[in-house]
């Protein structure tokens, strides 16, 4: 048996430590970029629709 299994302690980070690991930091930038890209697309679509309706 592994030592962590015997003691019942998980080796996964918990609390705020989950957000400061390096791969999670990279995922944070991906989520922010995808949010900004989606927001810009929606704004573009709305203004394109307004322009199309006014012509």
N, C-alpha and C. Protein backbone atom coordinates (compact mmCIF):
# COMPACT_ATOMS: atom_id res chain seq x y z
N UNK A 1 0.83 -1.18 0.00
CA UNK A 1 0.00 0.00 0.00
C UNK A 1 0.87 1.24 0.00
N UNK A 2 0.37 2.28 -0.68
CA UNK A 2 1.10 3.54 -0.70
C UNK A 2 0.94 4.23 0.65
N UNK A 3 1.94 5.01 1.05
CA UNK A 3 1.84 5.69 2.34
C UNK A 3 0.64 6.63 2.45
N UNK A 4 0.31 7.33 1.35
CA UNK A 4 -0.82 8.25 1.43
C UNK A 4 -2.14 7.49 1.55
N UNK A 5 -2.21 6.31 0.96
CA UNK A 5 -3.44 5.52 1.05
C UNK A 5 -3.60 4.97 2.46
N UNK A 6 -2.51 4.62 3.09
CA UNK A 6 -2.58 4.06 4.43
C UNK A 6 -2.99 5.12 5.45
N UNK A 7 -2.49 6.35 5.27
CA UNK A 7 -2.80 7.39 6.25
C UNK A 7 -4.11 8.11 5.93
N UNK A 8 -4.63 7.93 4.72
CA UNK A 8 -5.88 8.57 4.36
C UNK A 8 -5.72 10.02 3.93
N UNK A 9 -4.50 10.47 3.70
CA UNK A 9 -4.24 11.85 3.32
C UNK A 9 -4.10 11.91 1.80
N UNK A 10 -4.78 12.84 1.18
CA UNK A 10 -4.72 13.01 -0.27
C UNK A 10 -3.50 13.85 -0.62
N UNK A 11 -2.86 13.51 -1.76
CA UNK A 11 -1.71 14.28 -2.19
C UNK A 11 -2.09 15.41 -3.12
N UNK A 12 -3.39 15.57 -3.42
CA UNK A 12 -3.84 16.65 -4.29
C UNK A 12 -3.84 17.97 -3.52
N UNK A 13 -3.54 19.08 -4.21
CA UNK A 13 -3.58 20.37 -3.53
C UNK A 13 -5.02 20.76 -3.20
N UNK A 14 -5.18 21.52 -2.15
CA UNK A 14 -6.52 21.95 -1.77
C UNK A 14 -6.50 23.44 -1.47
N UNK A 15 -7.67 24.03 -1.46
CA UNK A 15 -7.77 25.44 -1.14
C UNK A 15 -7.18 26.30 -2.23
N UNK A 16 -6.51 27.37 -1.84
CA UNK A 16 -5.93 28.30 -2.80
C UNK A 16 -4.77 27.70 -3.56
N UNK A 17 -4.14 26.66 -3.03
CA UNK A 17 -3.00 26.02 -3.70
C UNK A 17 -3.40 25.42 -5.04
N UNK A 18 -4.67 25.14 -5.23
CA UNK A 18 -5.14 24.60 -6.51
C UNK A 18 -4.92 25.61 -7.62
N UNK A 19 -5.07 26.91 -7.32
CA UNK A 19 -5.00 27.95 -8.34
C UNK A 19 -3.59 28.43 -8.63
N UNK A 20 -2.60 28.03 -7.86
CA UNK A 20 -1.26 28.57 -8.07
C UNK A 20 -0.29 27.56 -8.66
N UNK A 21 -0.77 26.38 -9.04
CA UNK A 21 0.11 25.45 -9.72
C UNK A 21 0.31 25.92 -11.15
N UNK A 22 1.44 25.61 -11.76
CA UNK A 22 1.79 26.17 -13.06
C UNK A 22 0.81 25.78 -14.17
N UNK A 23 0.41 24.51 -14.32
CA UNK A 23 -0.56 24.20 -15.39
C UNK A 23 -1.89 24.91 -15.20
N UNK A 24 -2.34 25.06 -13.96
CA UNK A 24 -3.59 25.77 -13.71
C UNK A 24 -3.46 27.24 -14.05
N UNK A 25 -2.28 27.81 -13.86
CA UNK A 25 -2.05 29.20 -14.22
C UNK A 25 -2.18 29.37 -15.73
N UNK A 26 -1.68 28.41 -16.50
CA UNK A 26 -1.82 28.47 -17.95
C UNK A 26 -3.27 28.35 -18.36
N UNK A 27 -4.03 27.49 -17.69
CA UNK A 27 -5.45 27.34 -18.00
C UNK A 27 -6.21 28.62 -17.70
N UNK A 28 -5.78 29.37 -16.70
CA UNK A 28 -6.44 30.64 -16.37
C UNK A 28 -6.35 31.60 -17.54
N UNK A 29 -5.17 31.70 -18.17
CA UNK A 29 -5.01 32.59 -19.32
C UNK A 29 -5.87 32.11 -20.49
N UNK A 30 -5.99 30.81 -20.66
CA UNK A 30 -6.83 30.29 -21.74
C UNK A 30 -8.29 30.64 -21.52
N UNK A 31 -8.77 30.55 -20.28
CA UNK A 31 -10.16 30.89 -20.00
C UNK A 31 -10.41 32.38 -20.20
N UNK A 32 -9.46 33.21 -19.77
CA UNK A 32 -9.62 34.66 -19.94
C UNK A 32 -9.63 35.01 -21.42
N UNK A 33 -8.72 34.43 -22.19
CA UNK A 33 -8.67 34.72 -23.62
C UNK A 33 -9.94 34.25 -24.32
N UNK A 34 -10.44 33.07 -23.97
CA UNK A 34 -11.66 32.58 -24.61
C UNK A 34 -12.86 33.46 -24.25
N UNK A 35 -12.90 33.96 -23.01
CA UNK A 35 -13.98 34.86 -22.61
C UNK A 35 -13.92 36.16 -23.40
N UNK A 36 -12.73 36.74 -23.54
CA UNK A 36 -12.57 37.99 -24.28
C UNK A 36 -12.91 37.78 -25.76
N UNK A 37 -12.45 36.68 -26.34
CA UNK A 37 -12.74 36.41 -27.75
C UNK A 37 -14.24 36.23 -27.96
N UNK A 38 -14.92 35.54 -27.07
CA UNK A 38 -16.37 35.36 -27.19
C UNK A 38 -17.10 36.69 -27.04
N UNK A 39 -16.67 37.50 -26.09
CA UNK A 39 -17.29 38.80 -25.88
C UNK A 39 -17.12 39.69 -27.11
N UNK A 40 -15.93 39.72 -27.69
CA UNK A 40 -15.71 40.51 -28.90
C UNK A 40 -16.55 40.00 -30.07
N UNK A 41 -16.69 38.69 -30.19
CA UNK A 41 -17.51 38.12 -31.25
C UNK A 41 -18.97 38.53 -31.10
N UNK A 42 -19.49 38.48 -29.88
CA UNK A 42 -20.89 38.85 -29.64
C UNK A 42 -21.11 40.34 -29.94
N UNK A 43 -20.18 41.19 -29.50
CA UNK A 43 -20.29 42.62 -29.79
C UNK A 43 -20.27 42.85 -31.30
N UNK A 44 -19.37 42.17 -31.99
CA UNK A 44 -19.29 42.30 -33.45
C UNK A 44 -20.59 41.84 -34.11
N UNK A 45 -21.14 40.73 -33.65
CA UNK A 45 -22.38 40.21 -34.23
C UNK A 45 -23.54 41.18 -34.01
N UNK A 46 -23.62 41.78 -32.83
CA UNK A 46 -24.71 42.71 -32.53
C UNK A 46 -24.60 43.95 -33.42
N UNK A 47 -23.40 44.52 -33.52
CA UNK A 47 -23.24 45.70 -34.36
C UNK A 47 -23.42 45.39 -35.84
N UNK A 48 -23.04 44.21 -36.28
CA UNK A 48 -23.26 43.80 -37.67
C UNK A 48 -24.75 43.66 -37.95
N UNK A 49 -25.50 43.11 -36.99
CA UNK A 49 -26.94 42.97 -37.15
C UNK A 49 -27.61 44.34 -37.21
N UNK A 50 -27.19 45.26 -36.36
CA UNK A 50 -27.74 46.62 -36.38
C UNK A 50 -27.44 47.28 -37.72
N UNK A 51 -26.23 47.13 -38.20
CA UNK A 51 -25.85 47.74 -39.48
C UNK A 51 -26.65 47.12 -40.63
N UNK A 52 -26.84 45.80 -40.59
CA UNK A 52 -27.58 45.10 -41.63
C UNK A 52 -29.04 45.53 -41.65
N UNK A 53 -29.64 45.70 -40.44
CA UNK A 53 -31.04 46.09 -40.35
C UNK A 53 -31.25 47.54 -40.80
N UNK A 54 -30.26 48.39 -40.63
CA UNK A 54 -30.43 49.81 -40.98
C UNK A 54 -30.20 50.07 -42.46
N UNK A 55 -29.68 49.10 -43.19
CA UNK A 55 -29.43 49.32 -44.63
C UNK A 55 -30.61 48.93 -45.49
